[in-house]
Amino acid sequence: MPHPLDAAAVRSWCGLALEALGRERERIDAINVYPVADGDTGTNLYLTLESAARAVEAAFDGQASAGTAPRLADAIGAMAHGALIGARGNSGTILAQLLRGMTEVLAAEGGAGEALGRALRRAAASTYEAVAHPVEGTVLTVATAAADAATRCAADRAVGAAEVARAAHEGASAALRATPGQLAVLGRAGVVDAGGCGLVAVLGALADALCGEVSATPVAVRADAPLPRAAGCACAADGCGDPDGPAFEVIYLLEAGDAEVARLRGRLDGLGDSLVVVGGDGLWNVHVHVDDAGAAVEAGIEAGRPYRIRITHFGGAARAEEPAMTARAVVAVVPGAGLAGLCVQAGATPVTVRPGEPPASGELVQAIRQAHAREVMLLPNDPELRHTAAAAAEQARTEGVRVALIPTRSAVQGIAALAVHEAARSFDEDVVAMTAAAGATRYAELAVAERQSWTMAGVCQAGDILGLIDGDVAVIGADLVRTATTVLDRMLSAGGEMVTLVLGAGVPGALGERLERHVRERHLAVDTVVYDGGQHAVPLLIGVE
């Protein structure tokens, strides 16, 4: 029996789509040859949908606690927002934009058949707007075919949303089968488009949710066989890979205005390819393939406030097969874009977070996977992430990766550990050296009190500057510079050879210069290094070695 397209249907759609992508994930990964043969399209779509499903469940929980039921606009809006903030890879970013396009119509017009047809039309159009250089034979083509079929079906006003959804699924399936004839790289590998394959699974789940008839028929990945040998390998043998393409995939969330994002698009388009920028209303998801990952992040800093920065190395020429496995890698959790750039320069994979938005263990596991290394050092850089990082390390170990959890409690301890990292050493020796360097680094931070409260240093008022040393409030002041110098003097009274200062977002470089001068004048033979960390909420991080 058909179901109406309402909040409950959106919740059901999320669950069924997640199940479908879970079943298809490995098959989709195996046929991933465009735009980069990195074998992760199915996984990226699954993780994107998982974030969307979590957001929908949170919306239902929030409404339940308020004693009300969510509306369609609430549920579909939560789904689109969850996909946006959790989008992974090129395919996940496009899926997020498709859901946003649908939300623009459904939230305003409701869930009738005609509205669903218009929603799918808007979704398809929005993806072309988001992709810098659209290519036919991809998920964009599949989305357009789904919209065409839905629009034709919805022309009969007596038809409901369930019939429109089924028509969209059938139209997408037909278009997917035709993609090998539209895109040469797919034809040479003998497979359909991986992103389009994932979209067919998602649309099939929507049709199932509305029709009340769940099917688990696998999406056809190839016309003449259920599943070939890994398509990436076939592609490599035929010479269809691009070993000279960009080396890094850079993804981040960005808080910025429309004008700044328009300029950012132009800047990133000149740096690399596969540029997709999705979102709106001040929040965007940026995806691009570049050789200079630092420049892509810096462009985001100039445009607004980037966070949740993910940088993945494709592995050079080996991208046409499996991403190159390195002997060892470092994954570090950092609170700012500048710190993420430092990690990249040091050869580490950063996971950028914001205050109050700690990463889930699954996000850390994915970062470990994307490091493509047999041995990984994981730096949580926050005492609150100890258990999350431990769970991620344990999960990665079950997948055959040797993981060492370096007990870093602050980003400055992470910097110290990275400074002594040497891949040429044995794994155990490297772990010992990094752990020792982190342990030998005292850490402090300056923060702004949000409310009156009791601390180890007395009562603070809202707006006071708090100096925390090794996690405890040691100084309460009214001025950032004076509080910082007091904290530095206390830390250096116990000795030290090196001071590391990490400036937060919006903090002028003059602060670093003044503190560096203070150390030079008051503490002989102590060196100082200053970094622009870009972290929010914490104006200054201090490390003393």
Protein backbone atom coordinates (compact mmCIF):
# COMPACT_ATOMS: atom_id res chain seq x y z
CA MET A 1 0.00 0.00 0.00
CA PRO A 2 1.45 3.42 -0.99
CA HIS A 3 2.55 5.77 1.79
CA PRO A 4 2.44 9.57 1.73
CA LEU A 5 5.68 11.50 1.40
CA ASP A 6 5.83 12.85 4.94
CA ALA A 7 8.36 12.98 7.77
CA ALA A 8 7.90 9.29 8.57
CA ALA A 9 8.56 8.41 4.92
CA VAL A 10 11.78 10.44 4.95
CA ARG A 11 12.89 8.54 8.05
CA SER A 12 12.08 5.23 6.35
CA TRP A 13 13.86 6.40 3.18
CA CYS A 14 17.04 7.12 5.15
CA GLY A 15 16.99 3.67 6.72
CA LEU A 16 16.34 1.83 3.47
CA ALA A 17 18.91 3.90 1.56
CA LEU A 18 21.54 3.17 4.20
CA GLU A 19 20.76 -0.55 3.94
CA ALA A 20 20.92 -0.43 0.14
CA LEU A 21 24.26 1.40 0.09
CA GLY A 22 25.56 -0.99 2.72
CA ARG A 23 24.76 -3.91 0.41
CA GLU A 24 26.14 -2.17 -2.68
CA ARG A 25 29.15 -0.43 -1.13
CA GLU A 26 31.83 -2.91 -2.14
CA ARG A 27 30.39 -3.35 -5.64
CA ILE A 28 30.31 0.42 -6.17
CA ASP A 29 33.83 0.82 -4.79
CA ALA A 30 35.03 -1.83 -7.23
CA ILE A 31 33.75 0.01 -10.33
CA ASN A 32 34.98 3.46 -9.27
CA VAL A 33 37.11 4.67 -12.21
CA TYR A 34 35.96 8.28 -12.63
CA PRO A 35 36.95 11.01 -11.86
CA VAL A 36 39.69 9.20 -9.90
CA ALA A 37 40.06 5.43 -9.67
CA ASP A 38 40.46 5.46 -5.90
CA GLY A 39 37.90 2.78 -5.08
CA ASP A 40 35.87 4.66 -2.47
CA THR A 41 32.70 6.01 -4.12
CA GLY A 42 30.43 3.44 -2.46
CA THR A 43 32.02 4.05 0.93
CA ASN A 44 31.76 7.83 0.54
CA LEU A 45 28.08 7.63 -0.39
CA TYR A 46 27.40 5.33 2.55
CA LEU A 47 29.12 7.66 5.04
CA THR A 48 27.30 10.68 3.60
CA LEU A 49 23.93 8.94 3.93
CA GLU A 50 24.86 7.76 7.42
CA SER A 51 25.35 11.39 8.47
CA ALA A 52 22.01 12.30 6.88
CA ALA A 53 20.23 9.47 8.72
CA ARG A 54 21.73 10.54 12.06
CA ALA A 55 20.46 14.07 11.50
CA VAL A 56 16.95 12.82 10.76
CA GLU A 57 16.92 10.69 13.92
CA ALA A 58 18.09 13.71 15.91
CA ALA A 59 15.22 15.75 14.45
CA PHE A 60 12.72 13.10 15.50
CA ASP A 61 14.25 12.91 18.99
CA GLY A 62 14.13 16.69 19.34
CA GLN A 63 10.49 16.87 18.32
CA ALA A 64 9.59 13.99 20.63
CA SER A 65 11.16 15.73 23.62
CA ALA A 66 9.06 18.78 22.75
CA GLY A 67 5.92 16.66 22.54
CA THR A 68 5.35 17.29 18.84
CA ALA A 69 5.74 15.35 15.60
CA PRO A 70 8.21 16.49 12.92
CA ARG A 71 6.88 17.90 9.67
CA LEU A 72 8.08 16.93 6.20
CA ALA A 73 10.06 20.18 6.03
CA ASP A 74 11.82 19.33 9.32
CA ALA A 75 12.75 15.79 8.26
CA ILE A 76 13.87 16.51 4.69
CA GLY A 77 15.73 19.61 5.89
CA ALA A 78 17.56 17.56 8.51
CA MET A 79 18.42 14.92 5.92
CA ALA A 80 19.89 17.53 3.57
CA HIS A 81 21.82 19.28 6.34
CA GLY A 82 23.19 16.00 7.69
CA ALA A 83 24.38 15.03 4.22
CA LEU A 84 25.98 18.45 3.74
CA ILE A 85 28.05 18.39 6.93
CA GLY A 86 28.97 14.71 6.48
CA ALA A 87 29.54 14.63 2.72
CA ARG A 88 32.52 12.51 1.64
CA GLY A 89 34.26 12.63 -1.69
CA ASN A 90 33.00 13.93 -5.02
CA SER A 91 29.97 11.59 -5.02
CA GLY A 92 28.90 12.36 -1.46
CA THR A 93 29.14 16.09 -2.08
CA ILE A 94 26.90 15.81 -5.14
CA LEU A 95 24.41 13.65 -3.22
CA ALA A 96 24.24 16.36 -0.55
CA GLN A 97 23.41 18.93 -3.20
CA LEU A 98 20.72 16.68 -4.71
CA LEU A 99 19.06 16.42 -1.30
CA ARG A 100 19.33 20.16 -0.78
CA GLY A 101 17.67 20.78 -4.14
CA MET A 102 14.82 18.44 -3.22
CA THR A 103 14.42 20.19 0.13
CA GLU A 104 13.98 23.59 -1.51
CA VAL A 105 10.79 22.34 -3.19
CA LEU A 106 9.38 19.77 -0.76
CA ALA A 107 9.72 22.03 2.29
CA ALA A 108 7.65 24.68 0.53
CA GLU A 109 5.16 22.60 -1.46
CA GLY A 110 4.64 19.39 0.50
CA GLY A 111 4.93 15.79 -0.66
CA ALA A 112 2.38 15.43 -3.48
CA GLY A 113 3.38 13.68 -6.70
CA GLU A 114 3.71 16.92 -8.66
CA ALA A 115 5.88 18.42 -5.92
CA LEU A 116 8.18 15.40 -5.91
CA GLY A 117 8.59 15.71 -9.68
CA ARG A 118 9.54 19.38 -9.32
CA ALA A 119 11.82 18.53 -6.39
CA LEU A 120 13.77 16.02 -8.46
CA ARG A 121 13.98 18.53 -11.31
CA ARG A 122 15.38 21.17 -8.95
CA ALA A 123 17.77 18.61 -7.46
CA ALA A 124 19.21 17.71 -10.87
CA ALA A 125 19.57 21.34 -11.92
CA SER A 126 21.30 22.26 -8.66
CA THR A 127 24.03 19.68 -9.20
CA TYR A 128 24.98 21.25 -12.51
CA GLU A 129 25.22 24.59 -10.72
CA ALA A 130 27.47 23.09 -8.05
CA VAL A 131 29.93 21.27 -10.34
CA ALA A 132 32.51 23.54 -11.96
CA HIS A 133 32.79 21.48 -15.17
CA PRO A 134 29.83 19.07 -15.58
CA VAL A 135 30.51 15.85 -17.50
CA GLU A 136 27.83 13.69 -19.10
CA GLY A 137 27.75 9.97 -18.43
CA THR A 138 28.07 10.60 -14.69
CA VAL A 139 25.72 10.89 -11.73
CA LEU A 140 24.60 14.25 -13.17
CA THR A 141 23.18 12.50 -16.24
CA VAL A 142 21.49 9.88 -14.09
CA ALA A 143 19.91 12.56 -11.89
CA THR A 144 18.59 14.41 -14.93
CA ALA A 145 17.07 11.23 -16.37
CA ALA A 146 15.38 10.53 -13.02
CA ALA A 147 13.93 14.07 -13.03
CA ASP A 148 12.72 13.70 -16.63
CA ALA A 149 10.94 10.44 -15.85
CA ALA A 150 9.44 11.84 -12.65
CA THR A 151 8.18 14.94 -14.46
CA ARG A 152 6.49 12.88 -17.17
CA CYS A 153 4.82 10.69 -14.56
CA ALA A 154 3.71 13.66 -12.44
CA ALA A 155 2.01 15.26 -15.45
CA ASP A 156 -0.94 13.03 -14.53
CA ARG A 157 -2.19 14.87 -11.43
CA ALA A 158 -3.93 11.75 -10.21
CA VAL A 159 -0.57 10.05 -9.71
CA GLY A 160 0.85 10.03 -6.19
CA ALA A 161 4.38 10.42 -4.87
CA ALA A 162 4.96 6.64 -4.80
CA GLU A 163 4.36 6.30 -8.55
CA VAL A 164 6.54 9.33 -9.27
CA ALA A 165 9.37 7.92 -7.14
CA ARG A 166 9.17 4.55 -8.92
CA ALA A 167 9.25 6.29 -12.31
CA ALA A 168 12.31 8.29 -11.22
CA HIS A 169 14.06 5.10 -10.14
CA GLU A 170 13.31 3.37 -13.43
CA GLY A 171 14.46 6.40 -15.44
CA ALA A 172 17.68 6.57 -13.45
CA SER A 173 18.33 2.86 -13.92
CA ALA A 174 17.94 3.15 -17.70
CA ALA A 175 20.27 6.16 -17.80
CA LEU A 176 22.84 4.34 -15.66
CA ARG A 177 22.99 1.44 -18.11
CA ALA A 178 23.80 3.93 -20.88
CA THR A 179 26.70 5.66 -19.11
CA PRO A 180 29.47 3.40 -20.55
CA GLY A 181 28.55 4.71 -24.00
CA GLN A 182 28.71 8.33 -22.87
CA LEU A 183 31.99 8.44 -20.96
CA ALA A 184 35.02 6.82 -22.58
CA VAL A 185 36.74 5.82 -19.34
CA LEU A 186 33.66 3.81 -18.35
CA GLY A 187 33.43 2.16 -21.74
CA ARG A 188 37.07 1.05 -21.62
CA ALA A 189 36.60 -0.42 -18.14
CA GLY A 190 33.26 -1.99 -19.09
CA VAL A 191 31.40 -0.56 -16.09
CA VAL A 192 28.67 1.96 -15.34
CA ASP A 193 29.28 5.20 -13.44
CA ALA A 194 29.87 4.51 -9.74
CA GLY A 195 28.21 7.69 -8.49
CA GLY A 196 25.20 7.07 -10.71
CA CYS A 197 25.03 3.53 -9.38
CA GLY A 198 24.78 4.89 -5.85
CA LEU A 199 22.07 7.36 -6.83
CA VAL A 200 20.01 4.55 -8.36
CA ALA A 201 20.24 2.69 -5.04
CA VAL A 202 19.12 5.81 -3.13
CA LEU A 203 16.19 6.46 -5.50
CA GLY A 204 15.21 2.81 -5.29
CA ALA A 205 15.07 3.16 -1.51
CA LEU A 206 12.80 6.22 -1.87
CA ALA A 207 10.45 4.27 -4.12
CA ASP A 208 10.44 1.35 -1.67
CA ALA A 209 9.69 3.67 1.27
CA LEU A 210 6.73 5.20 -0.51
CA CYS A 211 5.39 2.05 -2.17
CA GLY A 212 5.71 -0.08 0.94
CA GLU A 213 7.37 -2.84 -1.08
CA VAL A 214 11.03 -3.33 -0.25
CA SER A 215 13.20 -4.89 -2.96
CA ALA A 216 16.85 -5.84 -2.64
CA THR A 217 17.69 -6.30 -6.32
CA PRO A 218 21.35 -5.37 -6.87
CA VAL A 219 22.03 -2.40 -9.12
CA ALA A 220 23.57 -3.55 -12.40
CA VAL A 221 27.18 -2.41 -12.52
CA ARG A 222 27.91 -3.93 -15.92
CA ALA A 223 25.79 -5.10 -18.80
CA ASP A 224 27.46 -8.43 -19.57
CA ALA A 225 28.41 -9.72 -16.08
CA PRO A 226 27.28 -9.30 -12.47
CA LEU A 227 30.65 -7.95 -11.36
CA PRO A 228 34.00 -7.86 -13.16
CA ARG A 229 37.37 -8.09 -11.55
CA ALA A 230 38.16 -4.81 -9.80
CA ALA A 231 37.36 -2.23 -12.41
CA GLY A 232 40.17 0.01 -11.27
CA CYS A 233 42.64 -2.73 -12.25
CA ALA A 234 40.97 -3.23 -15.62
CA CYS A 235 41.16 0.48 -16.20
CA ALA A 236 44.84 0.55 -15.38
CA ALA A 237 45.55 -2.25 -17.82
CA ASP A 238 43.81 -0.32 -20.58
CA GLY A 239 45.75 2.81 -19.77
CA CYS A 240 42.74 4.93 -18.95
CA GLY A 241 44.05 6.28 -15.64
CA ASP A 242 45.61 9.72 -15.30
CA PRO A 243 48.82 9.33 -13.30
CA ASP A 244 49.63 13.01 -13.87
CA GLY A 245 46.41 14.25 -12.25
CA PRO A 246 46.25 16.16 -8.96
CA ALA A 247 47.78 14.44 -5.94
CA PHE A 248 45.32 15.45 -3.21
CA GLU A 249 41.60 15.48 -2.52
CA VAL A 250 40.68 18.38 -0.24
CA ILE A 251 37.27 18.65 1.44
CA TYR A 252 36.10 21.09 4.08
CA LEU A 253 33.01 22.74 5.48
CA LEU A 254 33.05 26.52 5.08
CA GLU A 255 31.15 29.31 6.77
CA ALA A 256 31.08 32.13 4.22
CA GLY A 257 28.80 34.44 2.27
CA ASP A 258 27.69 33.99 -1.33
CA ALA A 259 30.10 36.62 -2.71
CA GLU A 260 33.09 35.07 -0.95
CA VAL A 261 32.17 31.61 -2.21
CA ALA A 262 31.86 32.90 -5.77
CA ARG A 263 35.44 34.19 -5.56
CA LEU A 264 36.54 30.93 -3.91
CA ARG A 265 35.15 28.92 -6.84
CA GLY A 266 37.30 30.88 -9.26
CA ARG A 267 40.38 30.51 -7.07
CA LEU A 268 39.99 26.74 -6.63
CA ASP A 269 39.12 26.18 -10.27
CA GLY A 270 42.54 27.55 -11.12
CA LEU A 271 44.25 25.27 -8.60
CA GLY A 272 42.86 21.88 -9.65
CA ASP A 273 39.89 19.95 -10.95
CA SER A 274 36.80 17.98 -9.81
CA LEU A 275 35.61 21.15 -8.09
CA VAL A 276 32.22 20.86 -6.38
CA VAL A 277 30.88 23.51 -4.01
CA VAL A 278 27.48 22.80 -2.48
CA GLY A 279 25.33 24.36 0.21
CA GLY A 280 24.02 27.83 0.90
CA ASP A 281 22.71 30.11 3.65
CA GLY A 282 26.24 30.64 4.92
CA LEU A 283 27.32 26.98 5.14
CA TRP A 284 29.08 25.19 2.26
CA ASN A 285 30.84 21.92 1.55
CA VAL A 286 33.90 22.37 -0.65
CA HIS A 287 35.50 19.53 -2.63
CA VAL A 288 38.45 19.81 -5.02
CA HIS A 289 41.39 17.77 -6.35
CA VAL A 290 44.68 19.71 -6.26
CA ASP A 291 48.44 19.32 -6.15
CA ASP A 292 48.82 22.05 -3.52
CA ALA A 293 46.54 21.07 -0.63
CA GLY A 294 47.80 23.97 1.49
CA ALA A 295 46.79 26.51 -1.15
CA ALA A 296 43.27 25.02 -1.30
CA VAL A 297 42.92 25.36 2.48
CA GLU A 298 44.36 28.89 2.45
CA ALA A 299 41.80 29.87 -0.18
CA GLY A 300 39.10 28.69 2.20
CA ILE A 301 40.60 30.73 5.05
CA GLU A 302 40.52 33.84 2.86
CA ALA A 303 36.87 33.18 1.97
CA GLY A 304 35.57 32.46 5.47
CA ARG A 305 35.93 29.88 8.23
CA PRO A 306 36.86 26.37 7.02
CA TYR A 307 36.61 23.41 9.38
CA ARG A 308 36.34 19.61 9.28
CA ILE A 309 39.16 19.70 6.77
CA ARG A 310 39.97 16.33 5.18
CA ILE A 311 42.99 15.92 2.93
CA THR A 312 43.59 12.61 1.16
CA HIS A 313 46.66 11.74 -0.90
CA PHE A 314 45.78 9.79 -4.02
CA GLY A 315 49.12 7.99 -4.21
CA GLY A 316 50.37 9.34 -7.55
CA ALA A 317 50.46 6.92 -10.47
CA ALA A 318 49.13 4.12 -8.32
CA ARG A 319 45.71 5.81 -8.32
CA ALA A 320 44.75 3.88 -11.45
CA GLU A 321 44.83 0.76 -9.33
CA GLU A 322 44.64 0.79 -5.53
CA PRO A 323 45.91 3.89 -3.68
CA ALA A 324 49.58 3.39 -2.88
CA MET A 325 50.19 1.77 0.51
CA THR A 326 52.92 3.49 2.45
CA ALA A 327 54.84 1.93 5.30
CA ARG A 328 53.76 4.47 7.90
CA ALA A 329 51.55 7.51 8.35
CA VAL A 330 50.37 9.92 11.03
CA VAL A 331 46.74 10.96 11.56
CA ALA A 332 46.21 14.00 13.78
CA VAL A 333 43.06 15.67 15.13
CA VAL A 334 43.46 19.47 15.00
CA PRO A 335 41.16 22.37 15.93
CA GLY A 336 42.00 24.79 13.12
CA ALA A 337 42.74 25.18 9.41
CA GLY A 338 46.24 26.55 10.01
CA LEU A 339 47.11 23.54 12.14
CA ALA A 340 45.72 21.30 9.40
CA GLY A 341 48.10 22.95 6.97
CA LEU A 342 51.02 22.31 9.32
CA CYS A 343 50.05 18.65 9.47
CA VAL A 344 49.97 18.38 5.69
CA GLN A 345 53.40 20.01 5.42
CA ALA A 346 54.69 17.45 7.93
CA GLY A 347 53.19 14.62 5.86
CA ALA A 348 50.35 13.86 8.29
CA THR A 349 46.64 13.41 7.58
CA PRO A 350 44.62 16.01 9.55
CA VAL A 351 41.10 15.64 10.93
CA THR A 352 39.88 19.18 11.62
CA VAL A 353 37.22 19.73 14.27
CA ARG A 354 35.37 22.64 15.87
CA PRO A 355 34.68 23.23 19.57
CA GLY A 356 31.65 21.26 20.65
CA GLU A 357 31.76 19.05 17.53
CA PRO A 358 34.14 16.20 18.39
CA PRO A 359 34.74 13.61 15.68
CA ALA A 360 33.06 10.22 15.93
CA SER A 361 35.26 7.13 16.04
CA GLY A 362 34.04 6.28 12.53
CA GLU A 363 35.46 9.54 11.21
CA LEU A 364 38.85 8.72 12.72
CA VAL A 365 38.71 5.18 11.29
CA GLN A 366 38.01 6.63 7.85
CA ALA A 367 40.98 8.99 8.19
CA ILE A 368 43.19 6.03 9.10
CA ARG A 369 41.95 4.16 6.03
CA GLN A 370 42.56 7.16 3.80
CA ALA A 371 46.15 7.38 5.04
CA HIS A 372 46.71 4.11 3.08
CA ALA A 373 49.46 2.92 5.41
CA ARG A 374 50.25 -0.38 7.08
CA GLU A 375 51.30 1.42 10.28
CA VAL A 376 49.62 4.55 11.66
CA MET A 377 50.29 6.85 14.60
CA LEU A 378 47.05 8.46 15.81
CA LEU A 379 47.32 11.80 17.64
CA PRO A 380 44.01 12.79 19.34
CA ASN A 381 45.46 16.08 20.69
CA ASP A 382 42.62 16.36 23.22
CA PRO A 383 42.09 14.45 26.48
CA GLU A 384 38.34 14.28 25.77
CA LEU A 385 39.04 12.22 22.63
CA ARG A 386 41.01 9.49 24.39
CA HIS A 387 38.21 6.90 24.35
CA THR A 388 37.02 7.85 20.84
CA ALA A 389 40.55 7.55 19.48
CA ALA A 390 41.09 4.24 21.28
CA ALA A 391 37.90 2.83 19.73
CA ALA A 392 39.00 4.00 16.27
CA ALA A 393 42.43 2.45 16.73
CA GLU A 394 40.89 -0.87 17.78
CA GLN A 395 38.58 -0.90 14.77
CA ALA A 396 41.45 -0.14 12.40
CA ARG A 397 43.49 -2.96 13.93
CA THR A 398 40.73 -5.43 13.06
CA GLU A 399 41.17 -4.29 9.44
CA GLY A 400 44.85 -5.18 9.46
CA VAL A 401 46.37 -1.75 10.20
CA ARG A 402 48.90 -1.48 12.98
CA VAL A 403 47.85 1.59 14.99
CA ALA A 404 49.63 3.28 17.88
CA LEU A 405 47.70 5.83 19.92
CA ILE A 406 50.09 8.63 20.91
CA PRO A 407 48.68 10.17 24.15
CA THR A 408 48.73 13.81 23.03
CA ARG A 409 46.45 16.07 25.10
CA SER A 410 46.92 19.28 23.10
CA ALA A 411 47.74 20.34 19.56
CA VAL A 412 51.12 21.68 20.75
CA GLN A 413 52.00 18.20 22.03
CA GLY A 414 51.00 16.91 18.62
CA ILE A 415 53.34 19.41 16.95
CA ALA A 416 56.18 18.23 19.20
CA ALA A 417 55.46 14.59 18.35
CA LEU A 418 55.35 15.33 14.61
CA ALA A 419 58.68 17.15 14.85
CA VAL A 420 60.50 13.96 15.88
CA HIS A 421 58.57 11.54 13.64
CA GLU A 422 60.92 9.56 11.39
CA ALA A 423 59.52 6.91 9.07
CA ALA A 424 63.00 5.43 8.63
CA ARG A 425 63.00 4.22 12.25
CA SER A 426 61.30 1.05 13.33
CA PHE A 427 57.63 1.50 14.24
CA ASP A 428 58.21 0.86 17.93
CA GLU A 429 61.16 3.26 18.09
CA ASP A 430 59.14 5.94 16.34
CA VAL A 431 56.22 5.49 18.76
CA VAL A 432 58.56 5.80 21.74
CA ALA A 433 60.22 8.94 20.34
CA MET A 434 56.90 10.64 19.52
CA THR A 435 55.39 9.71 22.88
CA ALA A 436 58.45 11.03 24.71
CA ALA A 437 58.38 14.32 22.78
CA ALA A 438 54.69 14.80 23.55
CA GLY A 439 55.19 13.95 27.22
CA ALA A 440 58.08 16.40 27.52
CA THR A 441 55.89 19.26 26.27
CA ARG A 442 53.88 21.19 28.86
CA TYR A 443 50.81 22.74 27.35
CA ALA A 444 48.62 25.73 28.07
CA GLU A 445 45.81 27.64 26.44
CA LEU A 446 44.09 30.97 26.82
CA ALA A 447 40.30 30.98 26.73
CA VAL A 448 37.52 33.48 27.37
CA ALA A 449 35.18 32.71 30.28
CA GLU A 450 31.57 32.35 29.16
CA ARG A 451 30.01 32.77 32.61
CA GLN A 452 30.82 33.32 36.25
CA SER A 453 32.26 30.17 37.81
CA TRP A 454 34.66 28.76 40.39
CA THR A 455 38.11 27.73 39.19
CA MET A 456 41.38 26.50 40.68
CA ALA A 457 42.58 30.13 40.54
CA GLY A 458 39.47 31.67 42.10
CA VAL A 459 36.17 33.06 40.82
CA CYS A 460 36.07 34.22 37.22
CA GLN A 461 33.50 36.47 35.56
CA ALA A 462 32.07 36.25 32.04
CA GLY A 463 34.58 37.79 29.65
CA ASP A 464 37.65 37.15 31.80
CA ILE A 465 40.75 35.71 30.14
CA LEU A 466 41.59 32.30 31.58
CA GLY A 467 45.07 30.85 31.44
CA LEU A 468 44.93 27.05 31.68
CA ILE A 469 48.16 25.14 32.29
CA ASP A 470 48.05 21.38 31.72
CA GLY A 471 44.24 21.54 31.72
CA ASP A 472 43.71 23.51 34.96
CA VAL A 473 42.93 27.23 35.30
CA ALA A 474 46.07 28.84 36.72
CA VAL A 475 45.62 32.51 35.84
CA ILE A 476 42.58 34.81 35.60
CA GLY A 477 43.14 38.13 33.84
CA ALA A 478 41.42 40.91 31.97
CA ASP A 479 43.97 41.34 29.16
CA LEU A 480 45.09 38.74 26.62
CA VAL A 481 48.72 39.87 26.44
CA ARG A 482 49.26 40.19 30.19
CA THR A 483 47.57 36.90 30.91
CA ALA A 484 49.68 35.20 28.24
CA THR A 485 52.95 36.59 29.60
CA THR A 486 52.00 35.52 33.13
CA VAL A 487 51.28 32.00 31.89
CA LEU A 488 54.57 31.89 29.96
CA ASP A 489 56.59 33.06 32.97
CA ARG A 490 55.00 30.43 35.21
CA MET A 491 55.67 27.66 32.71
CA LEU A 492 59.27 28.74 32.03
CA SER A 493 60.04 29.09 35.74
CA ALA A 494 60.42 25.30 35.70
CA GLY A 495 62.78 25.50 32.73
CA GLY A 496 62.40 25.04 29.00
CA GLU A 497 64.27 25.29 25.72
CA MET A 498 61.52 25.89 23.17
CA VAL A 499 58.21 27.80 23.26
CA THR A 500 55.52 27.11 20.66
CA LEU A 501 52.76 29.70 20.22
CA VAL A 502 49.68 28.86 18.12
CA LEU A 503 47.48 31.88 17.39
CA GLY A 504 43.73 31.44 17.08
CA ALA A 505 41.41 32.72 14.35
CA GLY A 506 41.21 36.51 14.32
CA VAL A 507 44.15 36.96 16.69
CA PRO A 508 46.59 39.53 15.22
CA GLY A 509 50.12 38.43 14.45
CA ALA A 510 51.33 41.29 16.65
CA LEU A 511 50.41 39.20 19.69
CA GLY A 512 52.87 36.53 18.66
CA GLU A 513 55.57 39.13 18.08
CA ARG A 514 55.03 40.67 21.52
CA LEU A 515 55.13 37.31 23.28
CA GLU A 516 58.20 36.24 21.30
CA ARG A 517 59.94 39.45 22.34
CA HIS A 518 58.94 38.89 25.98
CA VAL A 519 60.45 35.41 25.98
CA ARG A 520 63.64 36.65 24.33
CA GLU A 521 64.08 39.46 26.88
CA ARG A 522 63.08 37.56 30.04
CA HIS A 523 64.22 33.99 29.37
CA LEU A 524 67.68 33.62 27.86
CA ALA A 525 68.50 30.71 25.54
CA VAL A 526 64.80 29.90 24.96
CA ASP A 527 63.71 29.75 21.31
CA THR A 528 60.19 30.68 20.20
CA VAL A 529 58.21 29.60 17.14
CA VAL A 530 54.84 31.11 16.21
CA TYR A 531 52.14 29.48 14.06
CA ASP A 532 48.81 30.73 12.77
CA GLY A 533 46.59 27.86 13.93
CA GLY A 534 43.20 29.24 12.89
CA GLN A 535 41.42 27.58 15.82
CA HIS A 536 38.21 29.16 17.10
CA ALA A 537 37.19 29.70 20.76
CA VAL A 538 40.83 29.38 21.95
CA PRO A 539 42.83 32.56 21.15
CA LEU A 540 46.21 31.07 22.03
CA LEU A 541 47.84 27.67 22.53
CA ILE A 542 51.22 27.47 24.25
CA GLY A 543 53.72 24.64 24.37
CA VAL A 544 56.96 24.55 26.36
CA GLU A 545 59.57 21.86 25.72
